[in-house]
Amino acid sequence: QVQLVESGGGLVQAGGSLRLSCAASGRIFRINVMGWYRQAPGKQRELVADITSGSITTYADSVKGRFTISRDNAKNTIYLQMNSLKPEDTAVYYCNLRALSVVSWGQGTQVTVSS
């Protein structure tokens, strides 16, 4: 079993920044992909960014140039630095870990961007 614990969400004004963290614990296969997804009210959950254990990254077009994902393999932790936040970034952000066809999710952290 893998447990994912997110932190760092909150309320911020448009143009501001937030940093999310996600710490993984439990039985973690060394080769994995960790990422951030988000779900806004009435919308489907969507990929924001992910990063492989070899630090290859993928970003949604809507966040390229504003968000940066990184990871610390020694701590089994990933981070999402979110800059130039927009009201449309408002959503619950979920941490995700994929390894050996097993997918684990965190409980989510709310990010609210006011205009």
Protein backbone atom coordinates (compact mmCIF):
# COMPACT_ATOMS: atom_id res chain seq x y z
CA GLN A 1 0.00 0.00 0.00
CA VAL A 2 1.11 3.51 -0.81
CA GLN A 3 0.01 6.57 1.13
CA LEU A 4 0.18 10.05 -0.35
CA VAL A 5 -0.15 13.17 1.80
CA GLU A 6 -0.52 16.56 0.14
CA SER A 7 0.07 19.95 1.72
CA GLY A 8 0.44 23.58 0.71
CA GLY A 9 -2.93 24.49 -0.71
CA GLY A 10 -4.76 27.65 0.23
CA LEU A 11 -6.23 30.93 -0.91
CA VAL A 12 -4.17 33.33 -2.99
CA GLN A 13 -4.83 36.37 -5.16
CA ALA A 14 -4.43 36.21 -8.91
CA GLY A 15 -0.79 36.63 -9.85
CA GLY A 16 0.38 35.05 -6.61
CA SER A 17 2.25 31.84 -5.92
CA LEU A 18 1.78 28.63 -3.97
CA ARG A 19 3.91 25.55 -3.48
CA LEU A 20 2.32 22.14 -3.08
CA SER A 21 4.09 19.13 -1.58
CA CYS A 22 3.23 15.46 -1.70
CA ALA A 23 4.99 12.89 0.47
CA ALA A 24 4.70 9.22 -0.40
CA SER A 25 5.13 6.40 2.10
CA GLY A 26 4.64 2.65 2.17
CA ARG A 27 5.66 0.14 -0.46
CA ILE A 28 7.06 2.35 -3.21
CA PHE A 29 8.61 0.82 -6.28
CA ARG A 30 11.78 2.68 -7.15
CA ILE A 31 10.74 3.26 -10.77
CA ASN A 32 7.56 5.30 -10.77
CA VAL A 33 5.80 8.37 -12.03
CA MET A 34 4.39 10.92 -9.61
CA GLY A 35 2.22 13.80 -10.57
CA TRP A 36 -0.42 16.37 -9.84
CA TYR A 37 -3.95 16.33 -11.16
CA ARG A 38 -6.70 18.83 -10.48
CA GLN A 39 -10.46 18.85 -10.52
CA ALA A 40 -12.56 21.97 -10.62
CA PRO A 41 -16.27 21.91 -9.75
CA GLY A 42 -18.30 20.37 -12.57
CA LYS A 43 -15.20 19.38 -14.53
CA GLN A 44 -13.25 16.20 -15.05
CA ARG A 45 -10.00 15.56 -13.28
CA GLU A 46 -7.09 16.58 -15.47
CA LEU A 47 -3.33 16.17 -15.47
CA VAL A 48 -1.41 19.25 -14.38
CA ALA A 49 2.12 17.87 -14.43
CA ASP A 50 3.99 14.68 -13.76
CA ILE A 51 7.59 13.60 -13.27
CA THR A 52 9.28 10.25 -13.62
CA SER A 53 11.78 8.82 -11.16
CA GLY A 54 14.37 9.90 -13.76
CA SER A 55 13.01 13.48 -13.58
CA ILE A 56 11.41 13.58 -17.01
CA THR A 57 8.53 16.03 -16.79
CA THR A 58 5.23 16.57 -18.57
CA TYR A 59 3.01 19.64 -18.27
CA ALA A 60 -0.48 20.55 -19.33
CA ASP A 61 -0.41 23.34 -21.90
CA SER A 62 -2.43 25.56 -19.58
CA VAL A 63 0.33 25.62 -16.93
CA LYS A 64 3.50 25.57 -19.04
CA GLY A 65 5.80 28.42 -18.10
CA ARG A 66 3.95 29.05 -14.82
CA PHE A 67 4.18 25.77 -12.88
CA THR A 68 7.25 23.70 -12.11
CA ILE A 69 7.21 20.13 -10.84
CA SER A 70 10.20 18.65 -9.04
CA ARG A 71 10.98 15.67 -6.87
CA ASP A 72 13.28 14.51 -4.10
CA ASN A 73 13.69 10.76 -4.53
CA ALA A 74 15.44 10.39 -1.17
CA LYS A 75 12.31 11.76 0.53
CA ASN A 76 9.77 10.23 -1.90
CA THR A 77 8.34 13.71 -2.21
CA ILE A 78 7.25 15.82 -5.14
CA TYR A 79 6.60 19.52 -5.29
CA LEU A 80 4.58 21.81 -7.51
CA GLN A 81 5.67 25.43 -7.61
CA MET A 82 2.77 27.45 -8.97
CA ASN A 83 3.46 31.01 -10.08
CA SER A 84 1.32 33.61 -11.83
CA LEU A 85 -1.80 31.88 -10.58
CA LYS A 86 -5.09 32.56 -12.34
CA PRO A 87 -8.68 32.17 -11.13
CA GLU A 88 -9.04 29.27 -13.57
CA ASP A 89 -6.38 27.39 -11.59
CA THR A 90 -8.90 27.06 -8.75
CA ALA A 91 -9.46 23.36 -8.07
CA VAL A 92 -8.74 20.51 -5.74
CA TYR A 93 -5.22 19.31 -6.50
CA TYR A 94 -4.52 15.60 -6.13
CA CYS A 95 -1.20 13.85 -5.89
CA ASN A 96 -0.81 10.65 -7.90
CA LEU A 97 1.75 7.85 -8.00
CA ARG A 98 1.88 5.20 -10.74
CA ALA A 99 4.11 2.13 -10.55
CA LEU A 100 3.71 -1.41 -11.90
CA SER A 101 0.15 -0.70 -13.06
CA VAL A 102 -0.85 0.39 -9.54
CA VAL A 103 -2.24 3.89 -9.17
CA SER A 104 -2.46 5.66 -5.82
CA TRP A 105 -4.14 8.97 -5.01
CA GLY A 106 -3.88 11.46 -2.21
CA GLN A 107 -6.87 13.05 -0.51
CA GLY A 108 -6.45 16.35 -2.33
CA THR A 109 -5.70 19.91 -1.32
CA GLN A 110 -7.81 22.93 -2.23
CA VAL A 111 -6.28 25.76 -4.21
CA THR A 112 -8.40 28.87 -4.58
CA VAL A 113 -7.29 31.84 -6.66
CA SER A 114 -9.28 35.03 -6.22
CA SER A 115 -9.54 37.65 -8.94
